[in-house]
Every structure is written in structure tokens, then in C-alpha cells.
């Protein structure tokens, strides 16, 4: 699903620089490497949400001016992730259900006995002893992971026909950052 109504995505800053690795005395001459960094802040309307960011990442690649290289997309928070998959609402709903079975949220009733058994003993995450209620979101981050690397070919993201890039929020309601780092020539 794309950003829900009420969700916010904002750019904080973008930084570009070009480094010529062959500029050191005695180094062989090489093409310069461009680095372009964009930060985004998310405040999702829902506690758990998939936000399509393919176009944001493509814009960062366009702004960088590179033709060949890669882009790193990384959630800068431990209860969020980034993944590449099909932009299909049924798949996203199934994924959240699957993640809930592997890392059941204790703020709602477990989906089934298997999910109940996967909760830590005595039935709640030890992380919650400090006043938090998002232990499951930390485990979902481990399962989805916090970053992806996408190749850039001829100035464009080199994704498959059905692939899209998503920011995955598992504990929304507060601002969280994402970094897009483009490297190439």
C-alpha cells in the first residue's frame, strides 16, 4: 500500500559531492565517483504501514547525475525496514500476517496457538519491562531487514518488472528517518 492518508514524508536535506580517486599523487587516473545523499522523514498514520518509495529513490538517482553505480536505501530506526517486492495490497497484508505469526505483537491477541508459543516466556517481550510496547517491531526489522542495495544502470534503477521499493514501518506514530545514498559515475 502507498502512504496512508495522514502519513507524512518530508525531505530533510540532500548532499552531493564528487571524488576523483586518481587525484592522489602516484594513483592511476580513474573516473570520478559521485556520492549523493538524501534524507527522508516518515510519520505514518498507521502503526504498521508499507510506504512505496521507488519514485523517491529514482529521483535521488536522477538528482545525482550518475549513469552507473548503486543506491543504498536504509531505514535509520530499529523498528522500521526497507524491502523490495511487488506493490500488491494482498501480498502486503499476507506479509504483515506472516510477520505477526513470527513476531506476535503483544498489544493484540496472537493470531493462533503457534503465534502464542512464539511469544517469549512469560508471554510478553522483556523489552517491554522498560515501558515500551514495540518488542515485535524489533523482530520484524530483523526479518525484513533495514536496508537494500539497488543497481543503477544507464542512469536508472535496475529493478525487475514487478519490483518496487518500500519503507516498512512496524511502530509508527513518531518521526523516523531514512537515508538514500547514491554512489557511481
Protein backbone atom coordinates (compact mmCIF):
# COMPACT_ATOMS: atom_id res chain seq x y z
CA UNK A 1 0.00 0.00 0.00
CA UNK A 2 1.21 3.51 -0.55
CA UNK A 3 1.30 6.09 2.21
CA UNK A 4 -1.98 6.15 4.10
CA UNK A 5 -3.95 9.33 4.33
CA UNK A 6 -2.41 11.35 7.15
CA UNK A 7 1.08 9.91 6.67
CA UNK A 8 3.86 12.41 6.07
CA UNK A 9 7.06 12.07 4.06
CA UNK A 10 9.44 15.01 4.04
CA UNK A 11 12.93 15.66 2.69
CA UNK A 12 15.39 16.93 5.26
CA UNK A 13 18.42 17.60 3.08
CA UNK A 14 20.35 16.40 0.08
CA UNK A 15 24.14 16.47 -0.19
CA UNK A 16 26.25 15.71 -3.29
CA UNK A 17 29.98 15.52 -3.83
CA UNK A 18 32.37 14.12 -6.43
CA UNK A 19 35.65 12.47 -5.53
CA UNK A 20 38.36 11.67 -8.06
CA UNK A 21 40.17 8.61 -6.66
CA UNK A 22 43.04 9.16 -9.14
CA UNK A 23 43.82 12.65 -7.83
CA UNK A 24 46.37 11.40 -5.29
CA UNK A 25 49.99 11.54 -6.49
CA UNK A 26 51.06 8.13 -7.79
CA UNK A 27 47.48 6.90 -8.20
CA UNK A 28 46.27 5.82 -11.63
CA UNK A 29 43.73 8.19 -13.18
CA UNK A 30 40.15 6.98 -12.74
CA UNK A 31 36.69 8.30 -13.40
CA UNK A 32 35.35 10.40 -10.52
CA UNK A 33 32.90 8.78 -8.11
CA UNK A 34 29.82 10.79 -7.22
CA UNK A 35 28.13 10.48 -3.85
CA UNK A 36 24.64 11.90 -3.39
CA UNK A 37 22.74 11.60 -0.11
CA UNK A 38 19.06 12.32 0.54
CA UNK A 39 17.33 12.03 3.91
CA UNK A 40 13.59 11.47 4.28
CA UNK A 41 11.49 11.62 7.42
CA UNK A 42 8.37 9.49 7.79
CA UNK A 43 5.49 9.92 10.20
CA UNK A 44 3.00 7.23 9.29
CA UNK A 45 -0.68 7.48 10.12
CA UNK A 46 -0.81 3.79 11.00
CA UNK A 47 1.29 1.80 13.45
CA UNK A 48 2.27 -0.60 10.66
CA UNK A 49 2.45 0.55 7.09
CA UNK A 50 4.22 -0.10 3.80
CA UNK A 51 5.11 3.16 2.02
CA UNK A 52 6.16 2.92 -1.63
CA UNK A 53 9.36 4.94 -2.11
CA UNK A 54 10.51 3.73 -5.54
CA UNK A 55 9.89 7.14 -7.07
CA UNK A 56 11.80 8.91 -4.25
CA UNK A 57 14.79 6.63 -4.81
CA UNK A 58 14.62 7.12 -8.59
CA UNK A 59 14.53 10.91 -8.06
CA UNK A 60 17.66 10.70 -5.88
CA UNK A 61 19.41 8.75 -8.67
CA UNK A 62 18.28 11.36 -11.23
CA UNK A 63 19.49 14.21 -9.00
CA UNK A 64 22.88 12.52 -8.54
CA UNK A 65 23.59 12.56 -12.26
CA UNK A 66 25.26 9.12 -12.23
CA UNK A 67 24.83 6.65 -15.07
CA UNK A 68 26.37 3.54 -13.49
CA UNK A 69 26.56 2.59 -9.83
CA UNK A 70 24.31 1.65 -6.95
CA UNK A 71 21.96 3.13 -4.41
CA UNK A 72 21.72 2.13 -0.76
CA UNK A 73 18.33 2.70 0.88
CA UNK A 74 18.45 2.35 4.66
CA UNK A 75 15.92 2.88 7.46
CA UNK A 76 17.64 4.75 10.27
CA UNK A 77 15.49 3.25 13.01
CA UNK A 78 15.39 -0.19 14.60
CA UNK A 79 11.64 -0.71 14.25
CA UNK A 80 11.45 0.03 10.52
CA UNK A 81 12.81 -1.68 7.44
CA UNK A 82 13.21 -1.43 3.69
CA UNK A 83 12.27 -4.14 1.23
CA UNK A 84 11.83 -4.77 -2.46
CA UNK A 85 8.73 -6.63 -3.54
CA UNK A 86 5.54 -6.45 -5.56
CA UNK A 87 3.26 -3.45 -4.92
CA UNK A 88 0.20 -5.58 -4.31
CA UNK A 89 -2.04 -4.96 -1.27
CA UNK A 90 -2.84 -8.66 -0.78
CA UNK A 91 0.84 -9.54 -0.58
CA UNK A 92 1.43 -6.75 1.93
CA UNK A 93 -1.49 -7.90 4.11
CA UNK A 94 -0.22 -11.51 3.92
CA UNK A 95 3.28 -10.33 4.84
CA UNK A 96 2.05 -8.48 7.92
CA UNK A 97 0.05 -11.55 8.95
CA UNK A 98 3.12 -13.79 8.46
CA UNK A 99 5.32 -11.37 10.40
CA UNK A 100 2.73 -11.26 13.20
CA UNK A 101 2.91 -15.05 13.45
CA UNK A 102 6.72 -14.99 13.69
CA UNK A 103 6.93 -11.91 15.91
CA UNK A 104 3.50 -11.56 17.52
CA UNK A 105 2.55 -8.10 18.73
CA UNK A 106 1.69 -8.29 22.41
CA UNK A 107 -0.63 -5.30 22.08
CA UNK A 108 -3.19 -7.55 20.38
CA UNK A 109 -4.33 -11.16 20.78
CA UNK A 110 -2.00 -13.67 18.99
CA UNK A 111 -3.38 -14.94 15.68
CA UNK A 112 -3.19 -18.61 16.71
CA UNK A 113 -1.52 -21.07 19.07
CA UNK A 114 1.75 -21.07 17.09
CA UNK A 115 1.97 -17.28 17.40
CA UNK A 116 1.19 -17.56 21.11
CA UNK A 117 4.00 -20.11 21.52
CA UNK A 118 6.46 -17.80 19.73
CA UNK A 119 5.97 -15.07 22.33
CA UNK A 120 8.78 -15.11 24.90
CA UNK A 121 8.11 -16.61 28.32
CA UNK A 122 6.08 -15.44 30.29
CA UNK A 123 4.04 -14.14 27.31
CA UNK A 124 5.50 -10.68 26.78
CA UNK A 125 8.76 -9.28 25.43
CA UNK A 126 11.42 -8.50 28.03
CA UNK A 127 11.98 -5.25 26.13
CA UNK A 128 8.59 -4.09 27.45
CA UNK A 129 9.86 -4.09 31.03
CA UNK A 130 11.31 -0.66 30.26
CA UNK A 131 7.89 0.74 29.35
CA UNK A 132 7.90 0.09 25.57
CA UNK A 133 5.26 -1.95 23.72
CA UNK A 134 7.10 -2.50 20.43
CA UNK A 135 9.20 -5.63 21.00
CA UNK A 136 7.61 -7.30 17.98
CA UNK A 137 8.64 -4.38 15.74
CA UNK A 138 12.31 -5.00 16.54
CA UNK A 139 11.99 -8.63 15.41
CA UNK A 140 10.09 -7.63 12.26
CA UNK A 141 13.04 -5.36 11.43
CA UNK A 142 15.32 -8.40 11.68
CA UNK A 143 13.09 -10.39 9.33
CA UNK A 144 12.56 -7.68 6.69
CA UNK A 145 15.98 -6.06 7.26
CA UNK A 146 16.76 -2.38 7.43
CA UNK A 147 18.33 -1.74 4.01
CA UNK A 148 18.55 -2.70 0.36
CA UNK A 149 21.09 -2.03 -2.39
CA UNK A 150 19.78 -1.47 -5.92
CA UNK A 151 21.96 -1.38 -9.04
CA UNK A 152 21.86 1.70 -11.27
CA UNK A 153 22.32 1.08 -15.00
CA UNK A 154 22.22 3.78 -17.67
CA UNK A 155 21.03 6.28 -15.05
CA UNK A 156 18.00 4.25 -13.93
CA UNK A 157 17.14 1.87 -11.11
CA UNK A 158 17.74 -1.65 -12.41
CA UNK A 159 14.66 -3.33 -10.90
CA UNK A 160 12.68 -6.27 -12.21
CA UNK A 161 9.28 -5.70 -13.85
CA UNK A 162 7.23 -6.11 -10.66
CA UNK A 163 9.73 -4.85 -8.12
CA UNK A 164 9.10 -1.73 -6.05
CA UNK A 165 10.96 -0.30 -3.04
CA UNK A 166 9.12 0.17 0.24
CA UNK A 167 9.75 1.79 3.59
CA UNK A 168 8.27 -0.68 6.10
CA UNK A 169 7.01 0.84 9.34
CA UNK A 170 6.34 -1.52 12.24
CA UNK A 171 5.91 1.00 15.09
CA UNK A 172 4.57 4.24 13.60
CA UNK A 173 3.32 7.40 15.19
CA UNK A 174 6.59 9.30 15.52
CA UNK A 175 9.10 10.71 13.04
CA UNK A 176 11.66 8.26 11.65
CA UNK A 177 14.39 8.84 9.12
CA UNK A 178 15.57 7.04 6.01
CA UNK A 179 18.79 7.65 4.06
CA UNK A 180 19.18 7.21 0.30
CA UNK A 181 22.88 7.07 -0.65
CA UNK A 182 23.69 7.05 -4.39
CA UNK A 183 27.23 6.10 -5.46
CA UNK A 184 28.56 5.88 -9.01
CA UNK A 185 29.93 7.59 -12.04
